[in-house]
């Protein structure tokens, strides 16, 4: 079942509360890498929907390749296979996300 706008915003608020700065770091990282080519320099929050779906799944990841798989799966689900592209497209992104995730879990 699809969430309405208020439910999405409430979920996002809870994620930001739980993950703090990590939420914004992941949003900025995806914006910088721009795997879906939606960065128009004025829409810094464009990747929040993707972070909303990726971040809760990171807790199941035990390695960078698993992070890569999660990110690719979510981009394929949220866009389409053509826009998402091959899994290899997410190697550098996953490396940075894995590092951020490990740092988050050390604190």
PDB file of N, CA and C in Angstrom:
ATOM      1  N   UNK A   1       0.838  -1.181   0.000  1.00  0.00           N
ATOM      2  CA  UNK A   1       0.000   0.000   0.000  1.00  0.00           C
ATOM      3  C   UNK A   1       0.886   1.248   0.000  1.00  0.00           C
ATOM      4  N   UNK A   2       0.580   2.162  -0.846  1.00  0.00           N
ATOM      5  CA  UNK A   2       1.351   3.404  -0.949  1.00  0.00           C
ATOM      6  C   UNK A   2       1.046   4.319   0.233  1.00  0.00           C
ATOM      7  N   UNK A   3       2.075   4.992   0.684  1.00  0.00           N
ATOM      8  CA  UNK A   3       1.925   5.938   1.780  1.00  0.00           C
ATOM      9  C   UNK A   3       1.494   7.288   1.231  1.00  0.00           C
ATOM     10  N   UNK A   4       0.705   8.018   2.031  1.00  0.00           N
ATOM     11  CA  UNK A   4       0.357   9.377   1.613  1.00  0.00           C
ATOM     12  C   UNK A   4       1.471  10.330   2.040  1.00  0.00           C
ATOM     13  N   UNK A   5       1.370  11.567   1.619  1.00  0.00           N
ATOM     14  CA  UNK A   5       2.422  12.556   1.866  1.00  0.00           C
ATOM     15  C   UNK A   5       2.745  12.707   3.353  1.00  0.00           C
ATOM     16  N   UNK A   6       1.720  12.796   4.183  1.00  0.00           N
ATOM     17  CA  UNK A   6       1.942  12.963   5.625  1.00  0.00           C
ATOM     18  C   UNK A   6       2.656  11.755   6.221  1.00  0.00           C
ATOM     19  N   UNK A   7       2.311  10.575   5.769  1.00  0.00           N
ATOM     20  CA  UNK A   7       2.960   9.359   6.264  1.00  0.00           C
ATOM     21  C   UNK A   7       4.426   9.321   5.841  1.00  0.00           C
ATOM     22  N   UNK A   8       4.693   9.741   4.613  1.00  0.00           N
ATOM     23  CA  UNK A   8       6.072   9.782   4.123  1.00  0.00           C
ATOM     24  C   UNK A   8       6.898  10.767   4.942  1.00  0.00           C
ATOM     25  N   UNK A   9       6.332  11.935   5.191  1.00  0.00           N
ATOM     26  CA  UNK A   9       7.055  12.951   5.965  1.00  0.00           C
ATOM     27  C   UNK A   9       7.284  12.503   7.402  1.00  0.00           C
ATOM     28  N   UNK A  10       6.311  11.828   7.987  1.00  0.00           N
ATOM     29  CA  UNK A  10       6.474  11.329   9.357  1.00  0.00           C
ATOM     30  C   UNK A  10       7.545  10.235   9.400  1.00  0.00           C
ATOM     31  N   UNK A  11       7.525   9.355   8.436  1.00  0.00           N
ATOM     32  CA  UNK A  11       8.549   8.303   8.362  1.00  0.00           C
ATOM     33  C   UNK A  11       9.932   8.927   8.224  1.00  0.00           C
ATOM     34  N   UNK A  12      10.036   9.929   7.380  1.00  0.00           N
ATOM     35  CA  UNK A  12      11.320  10.616   7.169  1.00  0.00           C
ATOM     36  C   UNK A  12      11.777  11.301   8.463  1.00  0.00           C
ATOM     37  N   UNK A  13      10.856  11.924   9.171  1.00  0.00           N
ATOM     38  CA  UNK A  13      11.198  12.585  10.432  1.00  0.00           C
ATOM     39  C   UNK A  13      11.764  11.568  11.423  1.00  0.00           C
ATOM     40  N   UNK A  14      11.146  10.397  11.489  1.00  0.00           N
ATOM     41  CA  UNK A  14      11.612   9.346  12.402  1.00  0.00           C
ATOM     42  C   UNK A  14      12.978   8.808  11.986  1.00  0.00           C
ATOM     43  N   UNK A  15      13.188   8.654  10.681  1.00  0.00           N
ATOM     44  CA  UNK A  15      14.495   8.203  10.200  1.00  0.00           C
ATOM     45  C   UNK A  15      15.578   9.221  10.552  1.00  0.00           C
ATOM     46  N   UNK A  16      15.277  10.494  10.356  1.00  0.00           N
ATOM     47  CA  UNK A  16      16.255  11.540  10.675  1.00  0.00           C
ATOM     48  C   UNK A  16      16.549  11.556  12.173  1.00  0.00           C
ATOM     49  N   UNK A  17      15.536  11.317  12.961  1.00  0.00           N
ATOM     50  CA  UNK A  17      15.736  11.281  14.415  1.00  0.00           C
ATOM     51  C   UNK A  17      16.610  10.088  14.810  1.00  0.00           C
ATOM     52  N   UNK A  18      16.352   8.934  14.201  1.00  0.00           N
ATOM     53  CA  UNK A  18      17.100   7.724  14.528  1.00  0.00           C
ATOM     54  C   UNK A  18      18.539   7.760  14.018  1.00  0.00           C
ATOM     55  N   UNK A  19      18.735   8.247  12.799  1.00  0.00           N
ATOM     56  CA  UNK A  19      20.048   8.181  12.163  1.00  0.00           C
ATOM     57  C   UNK A  19      20.807   9.502  12.153  1.00  0.00           C
ATOM     58  N   UNK A  20      20.148  10.568  12.546  1.00  0.00           N
ATOM     59  CA  UNK A  20      20.819  11.857  12.669  1.00  0.00           C
ATOM     60  C   UNK A  20      21.519  12.309  11.401  1.00  0.00           C
ATOM     61  N   UNK A  21      22.769  12.699  11.560  1.00  0.00           N
ATOM     62  CA  UNK A  21      23.574  13.245  10.466  1.00  0.00           C
ATOM     63  C   UNK A  21      23.762  12.256   9.313  1.00  0.00           C
ATOM     64  N   UNK A  22      23.709  10.968   9.607  1.00  0.00           N
ATOM     65  CA  UNK A  22      23.881   9.959   8.563  1.00  0.00           C
ATOM     66  C   UNK A  22      22.836  10.124   7.460  1.00  0.00           C
ATOM     67  N   UNK A  23      21.620  10.476   7.825  1.00  0.00           N
ATOM     68  CA  UNK A  23      20.561  10.673   6.833  1.00  0.00           C
ATOM     69  C   UNK A  23      20.984  11.742   5.820  1.00  0.00           C
ATOM     70  N   UNK A  24      21.431  12.876   6.320  1.00  0.00           N
ATOM     71  CA  UNK A  24      21.845  13.968   5.440  1.00  0.00           C
ATOM     72  C   UNK A  24      23.104  13.627   4.652  1.00  0.00           C
ATOM     73  N   UNK A  25      24.006  12.882   5.268  1.00  0.00           N
ATOM     74  CA  UNK A  25      25.224  12.470   4.563  1.00  0.00           C
ATOM     75  C   UNK A  25      24.900  11.570   3.374  1.00  0.00           C
ATOM     76  N   UNK A  26      23.979  10.638   3.572  1.00  0.00           N
ATOM     77  CA  UNK A  26      23.600   9.750   2.475  1.00  0.00           C
ATOM     78  C   UNK A  26      22.865  10.506   1.374  1.00  0.00           C
ATOM     79  N   UNK A  27      22.011  11.439   1.765  1.00  0.00           N
ATOM     80  CA  UNK A  27      21.306  12.247   0.770  1.00  0.00           C
ATOM     81  C   UNK A  27      22.309  13.034  -0.070  1.00  0.00           C
ATOM     82  N   UNK A  28      23.282  13.643   0.576  1.00  0.00           N
ATOM     83  CA  UNK A  28      24.300  14.429  -0.133  1.00  0.00           C
ATOM     84  C   UNK A  28      25.169  13.529  -1.012  1.00  0.00           C
ATOM     85  N   UNK A  29      25.513  12.347  -0.518  1.00  0.00           N
ATOM     86  CA  UNK A  29      26.337  11.413  -1.276  1.00  0.00           C
ATOM     87  C   UNK A  29      25.624  11.006  -2.575  1.00  0.00           C
ATOM     88  N   UNK A  30      24.358  10.641  -2.473  1.00  0.00           N
ATOM     89  CA  UNK A  30      23.613  10.255  -3.670  1.00  0.00           C
ATOM     90  C   UNK A  30      23.454  11.433  -4.623  1.00  0.00           C
ATOM     91  N   UNK A  31      23.224  12.606  -4.076  1.00  0.00           N
ATOM     92  CA  UNK A  31      23.099  13.809  -4.910  1.00  0.00           C
ATOM     93  C   UNK A  31      24.405  14.059  -5.670  1.00  0.00           C
ATOM     94  N   UNK A  32      25.518  13.886  -4.988  1.00  0.00           N
ATOM     95  CA  UNK A  32      26.827  14.114  -5.612  1.00  0.00           C
ATOM     96  C   UNK A  32      27.106  13.088  -6.709  1.00  0.00           C
ATOM     97  N   UNK A  33      26.824  11.815  -6.439  1.00  0.00           N
ATOM     98  CA  UNK A  33      27.051  10.760  -7.435  1.00  0.00           C
ATOM     99  C   UNK A  33      25.979  10.782  -8.531  1.00  0.00           C
ATOM    100  N   UNK A  34      24.773  11.140  -8.158  1.00  0.00           N
ATOM    101  CA  UNK A  34      23.645  11.306  -9.078  1.00  0.00           C
ATOM    102  C   UNK A  34      23.431  10.111 -10.006  1.00  0.00           C
ATOM    103  N   UNK A  35      23.234   8.911  -9.450  1.00  0.00           N
ATOM    104  CA  UNK A  35      23.083   7.732 -10.309  1.00  0.00           C
ATOM    105  C   UNK A  35      21.840   7.749 -11.198  1.00  0.00           C
ATOM    106  N   UNK A  36      20.812   8.493 -10.834  1.00  0.00           N
ATOM    107  CA  UNK A  36      19.588   8.551 -11.651  1.00  0.00           C
ATOM    108  C   UNK A  36      19.549   9.800 -12.535  1.00  0.00           C
ATOM    109  N   UNK A  37      20.603  10.601 -12.474  1.00  0.00           N
ATOM    110  CA  UNK A  37      20.702  11.826 -13.283  1.00  0.00           C
ATOM    111  C   UNK A  37      19.540  12.790 -13.031  1.00  0.00           C
ATOM    112  N   UNK A  38      19.293  13.058 -11.737  1.00  0.00           N
ATOM    113  CA  UNK A  38      18.225  13.990 -11.366  1.00  0.00           C
ATOM    114  C   UNK A  38      18.762  15.193 -10.594  1.00  0.00           C
ATOM    115  N   UNK A  39      20.065  15.352 -10.583  1.00  0.00           N
ATOM    116  CA  UNK A  39      20.704  16.479  -9.909  1.00  0.00           C
ATOM    117  C   UNK A  39      20.673  17.682 -10.845  1.00  0.00           C
ATOM    118  N   UNK A  40      19.894  18.685 -10.448  1.00  0.00           N
ATOM    119  CA  UNK A  40      19.810  19.914 -11.232  1.00  0.00           C
ATOM    120  C   UNK A  40      20.378  21.098 -10.448  1.00  0.00           C
ATOM    121  N   UNK A  41      21.227  20.773  -9.461  1.00  0.00           N
ATOM    122  CA  UNK A  41      21.942  21.747  -8.629  1.00  0.00           C
ATOM    123  C   UNK A  41      21.061  22.571  -7.695  1.00  0.00           C
ATOM    124  N   UNK A  42      19.759  22.515  -7.828  1.00  0.00           N
ATOM    125  CA  UNK A  42      18.878  23.295  -6.950  1.00  0.00           C
ATOM    126  C   UNK A  42      17.975  22.390  -6.112  1.00  0.00           C
ATOM    127  N   UNK A  43      18.051  21.108  -6.339  1.00  0.00           N
ATOM    128  CA  UNK A  43      17.170  20.149  -5.676  1.00  0.00           C
ATOM    129  C   UNK A  43      17.961  19.223  -4.752  1.00  0.00           C
ATOM    130  N   UNK A  44      18.598  19.786  -3.770  1.00  0.00           N
ATOM    131  CA  UNK A  44      19.504  19.039  -2.885  1.00  0.00           C
ATOM    132  C   UNK A  44      18.819  17.878  -2.158  1.00  0.00           C
ATOM    133  N   UNK A  45      17.491  17.935  -2.016  1.00  0.00           N
ATOM    134  CA  UNK A  45      16.771  16.885  -1.305  1.00  0.00           C
ATOM    135  C   UNK A  45      16.192  15.820  -2.244  1.00  0.00           C
ATOM    136  N   UNK A  46      16.586  15.845  -3.479  1.00  0.00           N
ATOM    137  CA  UNK A  46      16.000  14.965  -4.504  1.00  0.00           C
ATOM    138  C   UNK A  46      16.142  13.476  -4.184  1.00  0.00           C
ATOM    139  N   UNK A  47      17.178  13.101  -3.480  1.00  0.00           N
ATOM    140  CA  UNK A  47      17.415  11.685  -3.209  1.00  0.00           C
ATOM    141  C   UNK A  47      16.900  11.233  -1.836  1.00  0.00           C
ATOM    142  N   UNK A  48      16.055  12.020  -1.199  1.00  0.00           N
ATOM    143  CA  UNK A  48      15.533  11.618   0.108  1.00  0.00           C
ATOM    144  C   UNK A  48      14.668  10.363   0.028  1.00  0.00           C
ATOM    145  N   UNK A  49      13.904  10.216  -1.010  1.00  0.00           N
ATOM    146  CA  UNK A  49      13.062   9.018  -1.149  1.00  0.00           C
ATOM    147  C   UNK A  49      13.932   7.762  -1.184  1.00  0.00           C
ATOM    148  N   UNK A  50      15.040   7.845  -1.904  1.00  0.00           N
ATOM    149  CA  UNK A  50      15.942   6.701  -1.981  1.00  0.00           C
ATOM    150  C   UNK A  50      16.587   6.425  -0.629  1.00  0.00           C
ATOM    151  N   UNK A  51      16.997   7.472   0.059  1.00  0.00           N
ATOM    152  CA  UNK A  51      17.582   7.299   1.397  1.00  0.00           C
ATOM    153  C   UNK A  51      16.540   6.709   2.344  1.00  0.00           C
ATOM    154  N   UNK A  52      15.289   7.141   2.210  1.00  0.00           N
ATOM    155  CA  UNK A  52      14.215   6.599   3.047  1.00  0.00           C
ATOM    156  C   UNK A  52      14.104   5.079   2.908  1.00  0.00           C
ATOM    157  N   UNK A  53      14.381   4.562   1.743  1.00  0.00           N
ATOM    158  CA  UNK A  53      14.258   3.119   1.537  1.00  0.00           C
ATOM    159  C   UNK A  53      15.579   2.368   1.757  1.00  0.00           C
ATOM    160  N   UNK A  54      16.695   3.016   1.506  1.00  0.00           N
ATOM    161  CA  UNK A  54      18.004   2.362   1.659  1.00  0.00           C
ATOM    162  C   UNK A  54      18.423   2.297   3.124  1.00  0.00           C
ATOM    163  N   UNK A  55      18.304   3.379   3.831  1.00  0.00           N
ATOM    164  CA  UNK A  55      18.828   3.480   5.198  1.00  0.00           C
ATOM    165  C   UNK A  55      18.317   2.384   6.132  1.00  0.00           C
ATOM    166  N   UNK A  56      17.023   2.094   6.172  1.00  0.00           N
ATOM    167  CA  UNK A  56      16.570   1.034   7.081  1.00  0.00           C
ATOM    168  C   UNK A  56      17.114  -0.351   6.724  1.00  0.00           C
ATOM    169  N   UNK A  57      17.523  -0.545   5.497  1.00  0.00           N
ATOM    170  CA  UNK A  57      18.038  -1.844   5.065  1.00  0.00           C
ATOM    171  C   UNK A  57      19.518  -2.031   5.369  1.00  0.00           C
ATOM    172  N   UNK A  58      20.228  -0.965   5.682  1.00  0.00           N
ATOM    173  CA  UNK A  58      21.668  -1.077   5.925  1.00  0.00           C
ATOM    174  C   UNK A  58      21.983  -1.956   7.129  1.00  0.00           C
ATOM    175  N   UNK A  59      21.078  -2.016   8.076  1.00  0.00           N
ATOM    176  CA  UNK A  59      21.292  -2.840   9.262  1.00  0.00           C
ATOM    177  C   UNK A  59      21.422  -4.321   8.967  1.00  0.00           C
ATOM    178  N   UNK A  60      20.968  -4.739   7.801  1.00  0.00           N
ATOM    179  CA  UNK A  60      21.074  -6.152   7.418  1.00  0.00           C
ATOM    180  C   UNK A  60      22.365  -6.441   6.667  1.00  0.00           C
ATOM    181  N   UNK A  61      23.100  -5.404   6.309  1.00  0.00           N
ATOM    182  CA  UNK A  61      24.307  -5.568   5.489  1.00  0.00           C
ATOM    183  C   UNK A  61      25.527  -5.888   6.343  1.00  0.00           C
ATOM    184  N   UNK A  62      26.293  -6.866   5.873  1.00  0.00           N
ATOM    185  CA  UNK A  62      27.510  -7.272   6.564  1.00  0.00           C
ATOM    186  C   UNK A  62      28.766  -6.932   5.770  1.00  0.00           C
ATOM    187  N   UNK A  63      28.586  -6.337   4.575  1.00  0.00           N
ATOM    188  CA  UNK A  63      29.741  -6.050   3.724  1.00  0.00           C
ATOM    189  C   UNK A  63      29.383  -4.984   2.695  1.00  0.00           C
ATOM    190  N   UNK A  64      30.400  -4.450   2.071  1.00  0.00           N
ATOM    191  CA  UNK A  64      30.193  -3.464   1.012  1.00  0.00           C
ATOM    192  C   UNK A  64      29.401  -4.048  -0.166  1.00  0.00           C
ATOM    193  N   UNK A  65      29.692  -5.280  -0.614  1.00  0.00           N
ATOM    194  CA  UNK A  65      28.888  -5.845  -1.710  1.00  0.00           C
ATOM    195  C   UNK A  65      27.396  -5.956  -1.364  1.00  0.00           C
ATOM    196  N   UNK A  66      27.088  -6.219  -0.106  1.00  0.00           N
ATOM    197  CA  UNK A  66      25.684  -6.274   0.295  1.00  0.00           C
ATOM    198  C   UNK A  66      25.047  -4.887   0.242  1.00  0.00           C
ATOM    199  N   UNK A  67      25.796  -3.862   0.611  1.00  0.00           N
ATOM    200  CA  UNK A  67      25.312  -2.487   0.503  1.00  0.00           C
ATOM    201  C   UNK A  67      25.061  -2.158  -0.965  1.00  0.00           C
ATOM    202  N   UNK A  68      25.988  -2.547  -1.806  1.00  0.00           N
ATOM    203  CA  UNK A  68      25.854  -2.332  -3.255  1.00  0.00           C
ATOM    204  C   UNK A  68      24.570  -2.984  -3.773  1.00  0.00           C
ATOM    205  N   UNK A  69      24.307  -4.189  -3.329  1.00  0.00           N
ATOM    206  CA  UNK A  69      23.102  -4.907  -3.742  1.00  0.00           C
ATOM    207  C   UNK A  69      21.838  -4.170  -3.294  1.00  0.00           C
ATOM    208  N   UNK A  70      21.816  -3.727  -2.051  1.00  0.00           N
ATOM    209  CA  UNK A  70      20.663  -2.997  -1.521  1.00  0.00           C
ATOM    210  C   UNK A  70      20.424  -1.725  -2.329  1.00  0.00           C
ATOM    211  N   UNK A  71      21.476  -0.957  -2.556  1.00  0.00           N
ATOM    212  CA  UNK A  71      21.330   0.306  -3.285  1.00  0.00           C
ATOM    213  C   UNK A  71      20.818   0.044  -4.698  1.00  0.00           C
ATOM    214  N   UNK A  72      21.404  -0.927  -5.378  1.00  0.00           N
ATOM    215  CA  UNK A  72      20.959  -1.249  -6.735  1.00  0.00           C
ATOM    216  C   UNK A  72      19.501  -1.710  -6.738  1.00  0.00           C
ATOM    217  N   UNK A  73      19.135  -2.564  -5.806  1.00  0.00           N
ATOM    218  CA  UNK A  73      17.746  -3.034  -5.721  1.00  0.00           C
ATOM    219  C   UNK A  73      16.779  -1.873  -5.536  1.00  0.00           C
ATOM    220  N   UNK A  74      17.121  -0.948  -4.653  1.00  0.00           N
ATOM    221  CA  UNK A  74      16.216   0.173  -4.396  1.00  0.00           C
ATOM    222  C   UNK A  74      16.119   1.112  -5.590  1.00  0.00           C
ATOM    223  N   UNK A  75      17.214   1.376  -6.265  1.00  0.00           N
ATOM    224  CA  UNK A  75      17.148   2.234  -7.452  1.00  0.00           C
ATOM    225  C   UNK A  75      16.352   1.554  -8.567  1.00  0.00           C
ATOM    226  N   UNK A  76      16.504   0.247  -8.699  1.00  0.00           N
ATOM    227  CA  UNK A  76      15.737  -0.491  -9.705  1.00  0.00           C
ATOM    228  C   UNK A  76      14.249  -0.446  -9.363  1.00  0.00           C
ATOM    229  N   UNK A  77      13.927  -0.606  -8.093  1.00  0.00           N
ATOM    230  CA  UNK A  77      12.524  -0.589  -7.652  1.00  0.00           C
ATOM    231  C   UNK A  77      11.910   0.803  -7.782  1.00  0.00           C
ATOM    232  N   UNK A  78      12.659   1.831  -7.386  1.00  0.00           N
ATOM    233  CA  UNK A  78      12.110   3.185  -7.358  1.00  0.00           C
ATOM    234  C   UNK A  78      12.086   3.865  -8.723  1.00  0.00           C
ATOM    235  N   UNK A  79      12.976   3.454  -9.608  1.00  0.00           N
ATOM    236  CA  UNK A  79      13.004   4.017 -10.957  1.00  0.00           C
ATOM    237  C   UNK A  79      12.574   2.907 -11.919  1.00  0.00           C
ATOM    238  N   UNK A  80      13.510   2.316 -12.579  1.00  0.00           N
ATOM    239  CA  UNK A  80      13.293   1.159 -13.446  1.00  0.00           C
ATOM    240  C   UNK A  80      14.673   0.597 -13.762  1.00  0.00           C
ATOM    241  N   UNK A  81      14.746  -0.619 -14.291  1.00  0.00           N
ATOM    242  CA  UNK A  81      16.062  -1.213 -14.550  1.00  0.00           C
ATOM    243  C   UNK A  81      16.944  -0.385 -15.493  1.00  0.00           C
ATOM    244  N   UNK A  82      16.348   0.239 -16.477  1.00  0.00           N
ATOM    245  CA  UNK A  82      17.126   1.030 -17.433  1.00  0.00           C
ATOM    246  C   UNK A  82      17.739   2.252 -16.752  1.00  0.00           C
ATOM    247  N   UNK A  83      16.950   2.970 -15.984  1.00  0.00           N
ATOM    248  CA  UNK A  83      17.452   4.153 -15.271  1.00  0.00           C
ATOM    249  C   UNK A  83      18.450   3.751 -14.199  1.00  0.00           C
ATOM    250  N   UNK A  84      18.155   2.693 -13.481  1.00  0.00           N
ATOM    251  CA  UNK A  84      19.050   2.237 -12.416  1.00  0.00           C
ATOM    252  C   UNK A  84      20.396   1.810 -12.991  1.00  0.00           C
ATOM    253  N   UNK A  85      20.368   1.138 -14.119  1.00  0.00           N
ATOM    254  CA  UNK A  85      21.613   0.671 -14.720  1.00  0.00           C
ATOM    255  C   UNK A  85      22.130  -0.572 -14.013  1.00  0.00           C
ATOM    256  N   UNK A  86      23.321  -1.010 -14.406  1.00  0.00           N
ATOM    257  CA  UNK A  86      23.888  -2.242 -13.843  1.00  0.00           C
ATOM    258  C   UNK A  86      24.359  -2.046 -12.400  1.00  0.00           C
ATOM    259  N   UNK A  87      24.441  -3.128 -11.700  1.00  0.00           N
ATOM    260  CA  UNK A  87      24.887  -3.095 -10.305  1.00  0.00           C
ATOM    261  C   UNK A  87      26.274  -2.474 -10.172  1.00  0.00           C
ATOM    262  N   UNK A  88      27.141  -2.704 -11.147  1.00  0.00           N
ATOM    263  CA  UNK A  88      28.509  -2.188 -11.099  1.00  0.00           C
ATOM    264  C   UNK A  88      28.540  -0.667 -10.997  1.00  0.00           C
ATOM    265  N   UNK A  89      27.494  -0.020 -11.440  1.00  0.00           N
ATOM    266  CA  UNK A  89      27.382   1.439 -11.381  1.00  0.00           C
ATOM    267  C   UNK A  89      27.409   1.943  -9.927  1.00  0.00           C
ATOM    268  N   UNK A  90      27.126   1.072  -8.983  1.00  0.00           N
ATOM    269  CA  UNK A  90      26.976   1.456  -7.577  1.00  0.00           C
ATOM    270  C   UNK A  90      28.163   1.082  -6.698  1.00  0.00           C
ATOM    271  N   UNK A  91      29.235   0.605  -7.299  1.00  0.00           N
ATOM    272  CA  UNK A  91      30.401   0.164  -6.524  1.00  0.00           C
ATOM    273  C   UNK A  91      30.983   1.319  -5.701  1.00  0.00           C
ATOM    274  N   UNK A  92      31.262   2.451  -6.336  1.00  0.00           N
ATOM    275  CA  UNK A  92      31.860   3.591  -5.624  1.00  0.00           C
ATOM    276  C   UNK A  92      30.897   4.156  -4.583  1.00  0.00           C
ATOM    277  N   UNK A  93      29.618   4.213  -4.932  1.00  0.00           N
ATOM    278  CA  UNK A  93      28.606   4.702  -3.987  1.00  0.00           C
ATOM    279  C   UNK A  93      28.560   3.788  -2.773  1.00  0.00           C
ATOM    280  N   UNK A  94      28.517   2.484  -3.021  1.00  0.00           N
ATOM    281  CA  UNK A  94      28.447   1.515  -1.921  1.00  0.00           C
ATOM    282  C   UNK A  94      29.669   1.600  -1.021  1.00  0.00           C
ATOM    283  N   UNK A  95      30.833   1.839  -1.597  1.00  0.00           N
ATOM    284  CA  UNK A  95      32.050   1.963  -0.791  1.00  0.00           C
ATOM    285  C   UNK A  95      31.923   3.130   0.184  1.00  0.00           C
ATOM    286  N   UNK A  96      31.431   4.251  -0.296  1.00  0.00           N
ATOM    287  CA  UNK A  96      31.261   5.427   0.574  1.00  0.00           C
ATOM    288  C   UNK A  96      30.155   5.204   1.598  1.00  0.00           C
ATOM    289  N   UNK A  97      29.058   4.586   1.174  1.00  0.00           N
ATOM    290  CA  UNK A  97      27.952   4.315   2.100  1.00  0.00           C
ATOM    291  C   UNK A  97      28.419   3.350   3.185  1.00  0.00           C
ATOM    292  N   UNK A  98      29.158   2.317   2.812  1.00  0.00           N
ATOM    293  CA  UNK A  98      29.667   1.345   3.777  1.00  0.00           C
ATOM    294  C   UNK A  98      30.560   2.029   4.810  1.00  0.00           C
ATOM    295  N   UNK A  99      31.419   2.917   4.352  1.00  0.00           N
ATOM    296  CA  UNK A  99      32.295   3.646   5.274  1.00  0.00           C
ATOM    297  C   UNK A  99      31.475   4.512   6.234  1.00  0.00           C
ATOM    298  N   UNK A 100      30.495   5.229   5.704  1.00  0.00           N
ATOM    299  CA  UNK A 100      29.627   6.050   6.561  1.00  0.00           C
ATOM    300  C   UNK A 100      28.870   5.171   7.559  1.00  0.00           C
ATOM    301  N   UNK A 101      28.379   4.032   7.094  1.00  0.00           N
ATOM    302  CA  UNK A 101      27.627   3.126   7.948  1.00  0.00           C
ATOM    303  C   UNK A 101      28.505   2.571   9.084  1.00  0.00           C
ATOM    304  N   UNK A 102      29.726   2.191   8.750  1.00  0.00           N
ATOM    305  CA  UNK A 102      30.631   1.694   9.776  1.00  0.00           C
ATOM    306  C   UNK A 102      30.962   2.788  10.795  1.00  0.00           C
ATOM    307  N   UNK A 103      31.184   3.995  10.324  1.00  0.00           N
ATOM    308  CA  UNK A 103      31.458   5.119  11.234  1.00  0.00           C
ATOM    309  C   UNK A 103      30.258   5.388  12.132  1.00  0.00           C
ATOM    310  N   UNK A 104      29.072   5.333  11.578  1.00  0.00           N
ATOM    311  CA  UNK A 104      27.843   5.546  12.353  1.00  0.00           C
ATOM    312  C   UNK A 104      27.733   4.509  13.466  1.00  0.00           C
ATOM    313  N   UNK A 105      28.059   3.272  13.166  1.00  0.00           N
ATOM    314  CA  UNK A 105      27.931   2.194  14.147  1.00  0.00           C
ATOM    315  C   UNK A 105      29.031   2.191  15.191  1.00  0.00           C
ATOM    316  N   UNK A 106      30.100   2.943  14.957  1.00  0.00           N
ATOM    317  CA  UNK A 106      31.166   3.053  15.956  1.00  0.00           C
ATOM    318  C   UNK A 106      30.820   4.053  17.050  1.00  0.00           C
ATOM    319  N   UNK A 107      29.888   4.947  16.758  1.00  0.00           N
ATOM    320  CA  UNK A 107      29.562   5.996  17.742  1.00  0.00           C
ATOM    321  C   UNK A 107      28.476   5.564  18.681  1.00  0.00           C
TER     322      UNK A 107
END
